[in-house]
Amino acid sequence: MSTIGQEIRNVPKSTVSDIIEKLPLTKTHYMLAIAAALGYMFDAFDTYIVGFAMPSIVKEWKLTPVFNGMLASAGMWGMFIGAMIWGPIIDKFGRKVGFAGTVLGFSLVSGLTALSSGTTQFIAYRFISGLFLGGMLPVVSALVSEYVAARHRGRFVAVPPVFWPVGLFAAAIASFTLVPVYGWRALFVVGVVPAFLAFFVIRTLPESPRWLASKGRTKEAAAVLIRLGADPSEVGELQADDLTKKKVPLSVLLHAPYLKRFILTTSVLFFGFFGYYGFVLWLPSILAVVFKLSLVKTFTYTIMVGVFAILGKVTAFFTIDKFGRKQLFYFGYGLAGVASLVFGILKDPTHLLIGACSLSYLLEMAAAGCVVLPTELFPSEVRGTANSWTSASGKLASALSPLVFGFFMSRHMYYGIFVTMAVFFWVACVMVLTLGVETRGRALSDVGAS
């Protein structure tokens, strides 16, 4: 009898990682995915409506291309700072708090933007809105990656980005239907709607069990795991994961193997998003100013571009766990560089539409990889910060690119825009080739990111 008792006492305790790897998909998992997807969609809507509003704002306030770029990038500078500050916040206070707080913040400030009486107020509101927009995406990515097993993780983390181009599509539809009748301010009034998502997150979604365990709150982590489908008997002797038993300092990002990974993630997002955001934010103005398309035709074209953006994300969703993460960058950014150079020499409106749709499709594939990449390479204690600071690198690029492209526009150096895009996309590919870590099908503990 004593021998049996000794054997029971010697049974190793289960860790959060062990249990998560065994979990089936449950209703809670799907609710989380839906909420995250809506968060991405609303974030994209609020980001893109600035580009759609710009042609009307330029006419109303008589802006130069350079000042146009300043207004377009104001929110991006806020997103850069927001991505920096929200990472430490969610690592200290939790993923759920960050999700609800960022969504509520940018929704309310969007409504204030509709009341702007001039460029100063507009820039101020967009900057403040960006503080929340910049934090939401890395917050959601970190949260989703911590709920599911390795066999499901790639697709689950890739689900929310599928809805990013849906936000672009929704912004294009709203612009097409509202701006000609009610003016550009109506777009920002609609931007208040996401506030309802924040209340759903607070009332319905559980906190990340990995984050709870990393804080020593194993009883709460156990309750969440049971809600996610774990056997209550298995979580009764729950212990913290090996990598979270002790405090993991932020300085871990500056040492092997995480320094190499941090350089990889920040550089890929910087070079990739410089071209990506420069293209999507300036596309309506490029079509209207450079190619002399009417406002209605410009919005019609961008609706089609939005459809192909969705197809790009869907393609990424179905290929990420089959072919891996790296293929998204090689195929997406690699071919996008070629498509950029071709797009810059097109003149015929039909060819322009085909080129814009092709470029949008490729960029959204690569952007899906940018979302998944930083979520799988860093320990749970610093995942939020690493993910947010990586995102901040992309936001810095997205803030700089409208200004650089505005400089090209003001000097009629239109092809310089597309050459810059191509070069930056190819640099991102080189970084993945030389520093990339393939995580397809590997548990977070296997890559030192539990």
Protein backbone atom coordinates (compact mmCIF):
# COMPACT_ATOMS: atom_id res chain seq x y z
CA MET A 1 0.00 0.00 0.00
CA SER A 2 2.83 2.35 0.86
CA THR A 3 4.50 1.47 -2.44
CA ILE A 4 1.38 2.46 -4.36
CA GLY A 5 1.14 5.71 -2.42
CA GLN A 6 4.76 6.47 -3.17
CA GLU A 7 4.14 5.88 -6.89
CA ILE A 8 1.22 8.29 -6.84
CA ARG A 9 3.29 10.94 -5.11
CA ASN A 10 5.99 10.48 -7.75
CA VAL A 11 3.65 11.14 -10.67
CA PRO A 12 4.85 14.41 -12.22
CA LYS A 13 2.52 17.36 -12.03
CA SER A 14 1.00 18.65 -15.24
CA THR A 15 2.05 22.03 -16.62
CA VAL A 16 -0.16 24.45 -18.52
CA SER A 17 1.77 23.69 -21.72
CA ASP A 18 1.28 19.93 -21.25
CA ILE A 19 -2.46 20.32 -20.83
CA ILE A 20 -2.93 22.82 -23.66
CA GLU A 21 -1.23 20.45 -26.09
CA LYS A 22 -3.94 17.86 -25.31
CA LEU A 23 -6.95 20.19 -25.47
CA PRO A 24 -9.72 19.69 -28.03
CA LEU A 25 -11.28 22.72 -29.66
CA THR A 26 -14.27 23.99 -27.67
CA LYS A 27 -16.92 26.68 -27.85
CA THR A 28 -14.66 28.99 -25.83
CA HIS A 29 -11.87 28.63 -28.38
CA TYR A 30 -14.24 29.62 -31.18
CA MET A 31 -15.67 32.54 -29.20
CA LEU A 32 -12.14 33.77 -28.65
CA ALA A 33 -11.35 33.45 -32.36
CA ILE A 34 -14.51 35.35 -33.32
CA ALA A 35 -13.82 38.16 -30.86
CA ALA A 36 -10.22 38.42 -32.06
CA ALA A 37 -11.36 38.44 -35.69
CA LEU A 38 -13.83 41.25 -35.01
CA GLY A 39 -11.09 43.17 -33.22
CA TYR A 40 -8.88 42.91 -36.28
CA MET A 41 -11.72 43.94 -38.59
CA PHE A 42 -12.58 47.03 -36.55
CA ASP A 43 -8.92 47.97 -36.17
CA ALA A 44 -8.48 47.74 -39.94
CA PHE A 45 -11.65 49.74 -40.57
CA ASP A 46 -10.45 52.57 -38.33
CA THR A 47 -6.98 52.47 -39.92
CA TYR A 48 -8.18 52.53 -43.53
CA ILE A 49 -10.96 55.11 -43.32
CA VAL A 50 -8.29 57.82 -43.09
CA GLY A 51 -7.10 56.91 -46.58
CA PHE A 52 -10.64 56.93 -47.93
CA ALA A 53 -11.44 60.23 -46.23
CA MET A 54 -8.30 61.94 -47.52
CA PRO A 55 -9.47 62.87 -51.05
CA SER A 56 -12.45 64.72 -49.51
CA ILE A 57 -10.38 66.24 -46.69
CA VAL A 58 -7.78 67.49 -49.18
CA LYS A 59 -10.49 69.35 -51.09
CA GLU A 60 -12.20 70.71 -47.98
CA TRP A 61 -9.03 71.92 -46.26
CA LYS A 62 -6.97 72.50 -49.44
CA LEU A 63 -3.99 70.37 -48.38
CA THR A 64 -0.68 69.85 -50.16
CA PRO A 65 0.54 66.25 -50.75
CA VAL A 66 3.13 66.61 -47.97
CA PHE A 67 0.51 67.84 -45.47
CA ASN A 68 -1.79 65.09 -46.70
CA GLY A 69 0.92 62.61 -45.73
CA MET A 70 1.19 64.21 -42.29
CA LEU A 71 -2.52 63.72 -41.62
CA ALA A 72 -2.39 60.15 -42.93
CA SER A 73 0.60 59.29 -40.73
CA ALA A 74 -0.62 60.96 -37.52
CA GLY A 75 -2.47 57.83 -36.42
CA MET A 76 0.53 55.70 -37.36
CA TRP A 77 2.81 57.63 -35.01
CA GLY A 78 0.27 57.01 -32.27
CA MET A 79 0.21 53.32 -33.21
CA PHE A 80 4.00 53.19 -32.95
CA ILE A 81 3.95 54.52 -29.40
CA GLY A 82 0.85 52.48 -28.51
CA ALA A 83 2.51 49.25 -29.60
CA MET A 84 5.47 50.10 -27.35
CA ILE A 85 3.46 50.81 -24.21
CA TRP A 86 0.71 48.18 -24.40
CA GLY A 87 3.14 45.24 -24.43
CA PRO A 88 4.41 45.81 -20.87
CA ILE A 89 0.83 46.59 -19.78
CA ILE A 90 -0.56 43.23 -20.91
CA ASP A 91 2.45 41.33 -19.55
CA LYS A 92 1.70 42.86 -16.14
CA PHE A 93 -2.10 43.12 -16.06
CA GLY A 94 -3.24 40.48 -18.54
CA ARG A 95 -4.21 39.94 -22.17
CA LYS A 96 -7.94 40.39 -21.59
CA VAL A 97 -7.52 43.86 -20.04
CA GLY A 98 -5.41 44.94 -22.99
CA PHE A 99 -7.88 43.61 -25.56
CA ALA A 100 -10.90 45.38 -24.06
CA GLY A 101 -9.01 48.59 -23.25
CA THR A 102 -7.55 49.08 -26.71
CA VAL A 103 -10.83 48.42 -28.54
CA LEU A 104 -12.81 50.75 -26.29
CA GLY A 105 -10.18 53.46 -26.61
CA PHE A 106 -9.93 53.68 -30.39
CA SER A 107 -13.70 53.39 -30.79
CA LEU A 108 -14.47 56.40 -28.61
CA VAL A 109 -11.72 58.57 -30.08
CA SER A 110 -12.96 57.76 -33.59
CA GLY A 111 -16.22 59.49 -32.70
CA LEU A 112 -14.30 62.55 -31.53
CA THR A 113 -12.40 62.63 -34.84
CA ALA A 114 -15.70 63.20 -36.65
CA LEU A 115 -15.98 66.51 -34.75
CA SER A 116 -12.61 67.85 -35.96
CA SER A 117 -12.86 71.48 -37.09
CA GLY A 118 -9.38 71.64 -38.64
CA THR A 119 -6.12 69.86 -39.23
CA THR A 120 -4.75 70.39 -35.71
CA GLN A 121 -7.69 68.66 -34.03
CA PHE A 122 -7.71 65.94 -36.67
CA ILE A 123 -4.02 65.16 -36.14
CA ALA A 124 -4.45 65.15 -32.36
CA TYR A 125 -7.44 62.78 -32.42
CA ARG A 126 -5.80 60.44 -34.92
CA PHE A 127 -2.65 60.32 -32.82
CA ILE A 128 -4.62 59.45 -29.67
CA SER A 129 -6.66 56.87 -31.55
CA GLY A 130 -3.41 55.34 -32.76
CA LEU A 131 -2.25 54.82 -29.17
CA PHE A 132 -5.04 52.24 -28.84
CA LEU A 133 -5.02 50.90 -32.42
CA GLY A 134 -1.31 50.14 -32.18
CA GLY A 135 -1.76 48.09 -29.05
CA MET A 136 -4.73 45.98 -30.09
CA LEU A 137 -3.17 43.82 -32.81
CA PRO A 138 -0.18 42.52 -30.82
CA VAL A 139 -2.41 42.11 -27.76
CA VAL A 140 -4.82 39.89 -29.70
CA SER A 141 -2.04 37.90 -31.38
CA ALA A 142 -0.36 37.18 -28.05
CA LEU A 143 -3.68 36.19 -26.48
CA VAL A 144 -4.86 33.82 -29.22
CA SER A 145 -1.51 32.02 -29.44
CA GLU A 146 -1.68 31.08 -25.76
CA TYR A 147 -4.95 29.11 -25.82
CA VAL A 148 -4.43 26.40 -28.41
CA ALA A 149 -2.21 23.39 -29.09
CA ALA A 150 0.57 23.48 -31.68
CA ARG A 151 -1.51 21.46 -34.15
CA HIS A 152 -4.14 24.24 -34.21
CA ARG A 153 -2.06 27.30 -33.35
CA GLY A 154 -1.01 28.37 -36.85
CA ARG A 155 -4.54 28.55 -38.17
CA PHE A 156 -6.01 30.02 -35.01
CA VAL A 157 -3.48 32.83 -34.96
CA ALA A 158 -4.07 33.27 -38.70
CA VAL A 159 -7.87 33.60 -38.30
CA PRO A 160 -7.96 37.21 -37.01
CA PRO A 161 -5.71 38.52 -39.83
CA VAL A 162 -8.19 37.09 -42.35
CA PHE A 163 -10.60 39.75 -41.10
CA TRP A 164 -8.09 42.58 -41.50
CA PRO A 165 -8.88 42.92 -45.23
CA VAL A 166 -12.56 42.52 -44.34
CA GLY A 167 -12.09 45.79 -42.46
CA LEU A 168 -10.58 47.28 -45.61
CA PHE A 169 -13.54 46.03 -47.61
CA ALA A 170 -15.99 47.45 -45.05
CA ALA A 171 -14.18 50.80 -45.13
CA ALA A 172 -14.40 50.86 -48.92
CA ILE A 173 -18.12 50.04 -48.86
CA ALA A 174 -18.80 52.65 -46.18
CA SER A 175 -16.85 55.23 -48.18
CA PHE A 176 -18.71 54.39 -51.37
CA THR A 177 -22.13 54.67 -49.71
CA LEU A 178 -21.63 57.37 -47.06
CA VAL A 179 -19.03 59.88 -48.23
CA PRO A 180 -20.83 61.10 -51.39
CA VAL A 181 -24.00 61.72 -49.33
CA TYR A 182 -22.90 62.58 -45.78
CA GLY A 183 -19.24 63.53 -46.20
CA TRP A 184 -16.05 62.05 -44.74
CA ARG A 185 -17.06 62.61 -41.09
CA ALA A 186 -19.66 59.85 -41.34
CA LEU A 187 -16.86 57.27 -41.59
CA PHE A 188 -15.56 58.17 -38.14
CA VAL A 189 -19.06 58.11 -36.64
CA VAL A 190 -19.37 54.49 -37.78
CA GLY A 191 -16.00 53.87 -36.11
CA VAL A 192 -17.69 54.09 -32.68
CA VAL A 193 -19.50 50.75 -33.19
CA PRO A 194 -16.57 48.54 -32.00
CA ALA A 195 -17.05 49.83 -28.44
CA PHE A 196 -19.66 47.08 -27.99
CA LEU A 197 -16.96 44.44 -28.59
CA ALA A 198 -15.03 45.69 -25.56
CA PHE A 199 -17.96 44.94 -23.25
CA PHE A 200 -18.32 41.45 -24.77
CA VAL A 201 -14.64 40.73 -24.10
CA ILE A 202 -14.86 41.81 -20.45
CA ARG A 203 -18.03 39.85 -19.72
CA THR A 204 -17.40 36.68 -21.74
CA LEU A 205 -13.79 35.77 -22.50
CA PRO A 206 -11.39 34.11 -20.01
CA GLU A 207 -7.86 35.28 -19.32
CA SER A 208 -4.90 33.47 -20.91
CA PRO A 209 -4.05 30.37 -18.83
CA ARG A 210 -0.37 30.68 -19.77
CA TRP A 211 -0.27 34.26 -18.48
CA LEU A 212 -2.09 33.29 -15.28
CA ALA A 213 0.36 30.45 -14.64
CA SER A 214 3.32 32.74 -15.34
CA LYS A 215 2.05 34.96 -12.51
CA GLY A 216 1.70 32.02 -10.11
CA ARG A 217 -2.12 32.14 -10.31
CA THR A 218 -2.39 28.40 -10.96
CA LYS A 219 -5.89 27.97 -9.48
CA GLU A 220 -7.29 30.54 -11.93
CA ALA A 221 -5.30 28.97 -14.76
CA ALA A 222 -6.77 25.58 -13.84
CA ALA A 223 -10.31 26.98 -13.98
CA VAL A 224 -9.66 28.43 -17.44
CA LEU A 225 -8.18 25.13 -18.66
CA ILE A 226 -11.28 23.27 -17.50
CA ARG A 227 -13.41 25.78 -19.39
CA LEU A 228 -11.23 25.10 -22.43
CA GLY A 229 -11.97 21.37 -22.22
CA ALA A 230 -9.34 19.97 -19.84
CA ASP A 231 -10.12 17.08 -17.49
CA PRO A 232 -10.61 18.48 -13.94
CA SER A 233 -8.56 15.60 -12.49
CA GLU A 234 -5.60 16.57 -14.67
CA VAL A 235 -5.47 20.19 -13.56
CA GLY A 236 -5.80 19.37 -9.87
CA GLU A 237 -2.02 19.24 -9.46
CA LEU A 238 -1.22 22.05 -11.88
CA GLN A 239 2.18 23.68 -11.69
CA ALA A 240 3.74 26.60 -13.54
CA ASP A 241 5.69 25.82 -16.70
CA ASP A 242 9.45 25.47 -16.36
CA LEU A 243 10.06 28.72 -18.23
CA THR A 244 7.67 30.64 -15.99
CA LYS A 245 8.68 29.41 -12.54
CA LYS A 246 11.07 32.30 -12.28
CA LYS A 247 10.74 35.86 -13.43
CA VAL A 248 11.79 36.34 -17.05
CA PRO A 249 13.29 39.84 -17.44
CA LEU A 250 12.84 41.94 -20.57
CA SER A 251 16.60 41.80 -21.02
CA VAL A 252 16.11 38.22 -22.26
CA LEU A 253 15.27 39.81 -25.62
CA LEU A 254 18.86 41.04 -25.85
CA HIS A 255 20.48 37.62 -25.38
CA ALA A 256 20.67 34.39 -27.40
CA PRO A 257 18.54 32.90 -28.80
CA TYR A 258 15.97 35.68 -28.48
CA LEU A 259 18.13 38.56 -29.72
CA LYS A 260 18.39 36.92 -33.14
CA ARG A 261 14.65 36.35 -33.15
CA PHE A 262 13.94 39.92 -32.03
CA ILE A 263 16.10 41.27 -34.86
CA LEU A 264 14.25 38.99 -37.27
CA THR A 265 10.74 40.01 -36.22
CA THR A 266 11.39 43.75 -35.97
CA SER A 267 13.24 43.97 -39.28
CA VAL A 268 10.70 41.91 -41.22
CA LEU A 269 7.83 44.04 -39.95
CA PHE A 270 9.68 47.29 -40.58
CA PHE A 271 10.63 46.59 -44.18
CA GLY A 272 7.42 44.76 -45.03
CA PHE A 273 5.01 47.25 -43.50
CA PHE A 274 6.83 50.27 -44.94
CA GLY A 275 5.69 49.22 -48.38
CA TYR A 276 2.41 47.69 -47.26
CA TYR A 277 1.02 50.74 -45.46
CA GLY A 278 2.47 53.14 -47.98
CA PHE A 279 0.47 51.34 -50.64
CA VAL A 280 -2.86 50.86 -48.82
CA LEU A 281 -3.02 54.37 -47.30
CA TRP A 282 -2.01 56.15 -50.50
CA LEU A 283 -3.92 53.96 -52.99
CA PRO A 284 -7.13 56.08 -53.03
CA SER A 285 -5.08 59.27 -53.50
CA ILE A 286 -2.84 57.65 -56.14
CA LEU A 287 -5.87 56.52 -58.14
CA ALA A 288 -7.60 59.89 -57.81
CA VAL A 289 -4.59 62.22 -58.22
CA VAL A 290 -2.08 60.34 -60.37
CA PHE A 291 -4.46 58.38 -62.58
CA LYS A 292 -7.31 60.96 -62.53
CA LEU A 293 -10.07 58.53 -61.60
CA SER A 294 -13.34 59.91 -60.24
CA LEU A 295 -14.05 59.57 -56.52
CA VAL A 296 -16.77 56.99 -57.19
CA LYS A 297 -14.50 54.96 -59.48
CA THR A 298 -11.67 55.20 -56.95
CA PHE A 299 -13.87 53.74 -54.22
CA THR A 300 -15.17 51.08 -56.63
CA TYR A 301 -11.61 50.00 -57.41
CA THR A 302 -10.70 49.87 -53.74
CA ILE A 303 -13.70 47.64 -53.05
CA MET A 304 -12.31 45.14 -55.57
CA VAL A 305 -8.87 45.48 -53.99
CA GLY A 306 -10.49 44.65 -50.65
CA VAL A 307 -11.98 41.45 -52.08
CA PHE A 308 -8.56 40.24 -53.23
CA ALA A 309 -7.04 41.25 -49.91
CA ILE A 310 -9.51 38.87 -48.22
CA LEU A 311 -8.55 36.11 -50.67
CA GLY A 312 -4.90 36.65 -49.77
CA LYS A 313 -5.58 36.19 -46.09
CA VAL A 314 -7.75 33.12 -46.75
CA THR A 315 -4.93 31.60 -48.79
CA ALA A 316 -2.55 32.20 -45.88
CA PHE A 317 -5.02 30.55 -43.51
CA PHE A 318 -5.15 27.33 -45.53
CA THR A 319 -1.42 27.11 -46.29
CA ILE A 320 0.27 28.24 -43.07
CA ASP A 321 0.08 24.86 -41.30
CA LYS A 322 0.61 22.88 -44.50
CA PHE A 323 3.66 24.61 -45.95
CA GLY A 324 4.91 26.59 -42.96
CA ARG A 325 5.40 30.23 -42.04
CA LYS A 326 8.33 31.08 -44.30
CA GLN A 327 6.46 30.38 -47.54
CA LEU A 328 4.12 33.27 -46.77
CA PHE A 329 7.01 35.72 -46.92
CA TYR A 330 8.77 34.23 -49.94
CA PHE A 331 5.60 34.03 -51.99
CA GLY A 332 3.92 37.17 -50.64
CA TYR A 333 6.69 39.74 -50.33
CA GLY A 334 8.87 38.16 -53.02
CA LEU A 335 6.24 38.41 -55.74
CA ALA A 336 4.86 41.69 -54.32
CA GLY A 337 8.20 43.28 -55.14
CA VAL A 338 7.80 42.27 -58.78
CA ALA A 339 4.14 43.35 -58.80
CA SER A 340 5.10 46.77 -57.38
CA LEU A 341 7.51 47.49 -60.23
CA VAL A 342 4.90 46.42 -62.79
CA PHE A 343 2.08 48.38 -61.16
CA GLY A 344 4.12 51.59 -61.35
CA ILE A 345 4.20 51.52 -65.16
CA LEU A 346 0.53 50.69 -65.78
CA LYS A 347 -1.72 53.31 -67.39
CA ASP A 348 -4.86 51.57 -68.60
CA PRO A 349 -7.61 51.62 -65.91
CA THR A 350 -8.36 47.90 -66.35
CA HIS A 351 -4.69 47.02 -65.98
CA LEU A 352 -4.49 49.25 -62.92
CA LEU A 353 -7.31 47.34 -61.29
CA ILE A 354 -5.69 43.98 -62.04
CA GLY A 355 -2.33 45.21 -60.75
CA ALA A 356 -3.78 46.67 -57.54
CA CYS A 357 -5.76 43.50 -56.83
CA SER A 358 -2.72 41.28 -57.43
CA LEU A 359 -0.54 43.40 -55.19
CA SER A 360 -3.18 43.46 -52.47
CA TYR A 361 -3.52 39.66 -52.59
CA LEU A 362 0.23 39.11 -52.20
CA LEU A 363 0.69 41.70 -49.46
CA GLU A 364 -2.08 40.25 -47.32
CA MET A 365 -0.51 36.78 -47.55
CA ALA A 366 2.79 38.13 -46.26
CA ALA A 367 1.07 40.29 -43.62
CA ALA A 368 -0.51 37.12 -42.18
CA GLY A 369 2.98 35.76 -41.66
CA CYS A 370 3.98 38.99 -39.90
CA VAL A 371 1.18 38.43 -37.38
CA VAL A 372 2.07 34.82 -36.59
CA LEU A 373 5.86 35.22 -36.60
CA PRO A 374 6.42 37.04 -33.26
CA THR A 375 3.77 35.07 -31.35
CA GLU A 376 5.72 31.80 -31.51
CA LEU A 377 9.30 32.82 -30.72
CA PHE A 378 9.32 34.33 -27.19
CA PRO A 379 8.55 33.12 -23.62
CA SER A 380 5.09 33.77 -22.21
CA GLU A 381 6.37 36.22 -19.57
CA VAL A 382 7.64 38.59 -22.26
CA ARG A 383 5.53 37.51 -25.23
CA GLY A 384 3.24 40.50 -24.98
CA THR A 385 6.14 42.94 -24.84
CA ALA A 386 8.13 41.21 -27.59
CA ASN A 387 5.04 41.03 -29.79
CA SER A 388 4.17 44.68 -29.13
CA TRP A 389 7.68 45.99 -29.68
CA THR A 390 7.91 43.98 -32.88
CA SER A 391 4.60 45.52 -33.93
CA ALA A 392 5.99 48.95 -33.00
CA SER A 393 8.72 48.45 -35.58
CA GLY A 394 6.03 47.91 -38.20
CA LYS A 395 4.09 50.93 -36.97
CA LEU A 396 7.20 53.10 -37.19
CA ALA A 397 7.57 52.05 -40.82
CA SER A 398 3.88 52.68 -41.47
CA ALA A 399 4.22 56.18 -39.98
CA LEU A 400 7.26 57.00 -42.09
CA SER A 401 6.02 55.60 -45.40
CA PRO A 402 3.12 58.07 -45.95
CA LEU A 403 5.58 60.92 -45.45
CA VAL A 404 8.15 59.44 -47.84
CA PHE A 405 5.49 58.62 -50.43
CA GLY A 406 4.02 62.10 -49.99
CA PHE A 407 7.47 63.51 -50.80
CA PHE A 408 7.55 61.43 -54.00
CA MET A 409 4.01 62.57 -54.87
CA SER A 410 4.82 66.25 -54.34
CA ARG A 411 7.71 66.00 -56.80
CA HIS A 412 5.83 63.84 -59.30
CA MET A 413 8.33 61.01 -58.74
CA TYR A 414 5.56 58.43 -58.79
CA TYR A 415 7.67 55.45 -59.81
CA GLY A 416 9.95 56.07 -56.84
CA ILE A 417 7.08 54.86 -54.65
CA PHE A 418 6.97 51.46 -56.32
CA VAL A 419 10.75 51.01 -56.49
CA THR A 420 10.94 51.70 -52.75
CA MET A 421 8.18 49.17 -52.09
CA ALA A 422 9.94 46.47 -54.13
CA VAL A 423 13.31 46.95 -52.46
CA PHE A 424 11.84 46.89 -48.96
CA PHE A 425 9.78 43.75 -49.67
CA TRP A 426 12.85 41.91 -50.91
CA VAL A 427 14.90 42.95 -47.89
CA ALA A 428 12.19 41.42 -45.67
CA CYS A 429 12.52 38.16 -47.63
CA VAL A 430 16.29 38.13 -47.13
CA MET A 431 15.85 38.56 -43.36
CA VAL A 432 13.49 35.56 -43.23
CA LEU A 433 15.91 33.51 -45.32
CA THR A 434 18.93 34.28 -43.14
CA LEU A 435 17.40 34.48 -39.64
CA GLY A 436 14.04 32.72 -39.95
CA VAL A 437 12.88 29.98 -37.57
CA GLU A 438 10.23 27.59 -38.90
CA THR A 439 7.70 26.77 -36.16
CA ARG A 440 5.11 24.80 -38.10
CA GLY A 441 3.77 21.92 -35.99
CA ARG A 442 6.15 22.59 -33.08
CA ALA A 443 4.94 23.15 -29.52
CA LEU A 444 5.92 26.49 -27.98
CA SER A 445 8.02 24.61 -25.41
CA ASP A 446 9.99 22.97 -28.23
CA VAL A 447 11.14 26.36 -29.54
CA GLY A 448 11.80 27.88 -26.10
CA ALA A 449 8.63 29.97 -26.19
CA SER A 450 6.39 28.26 -23.66
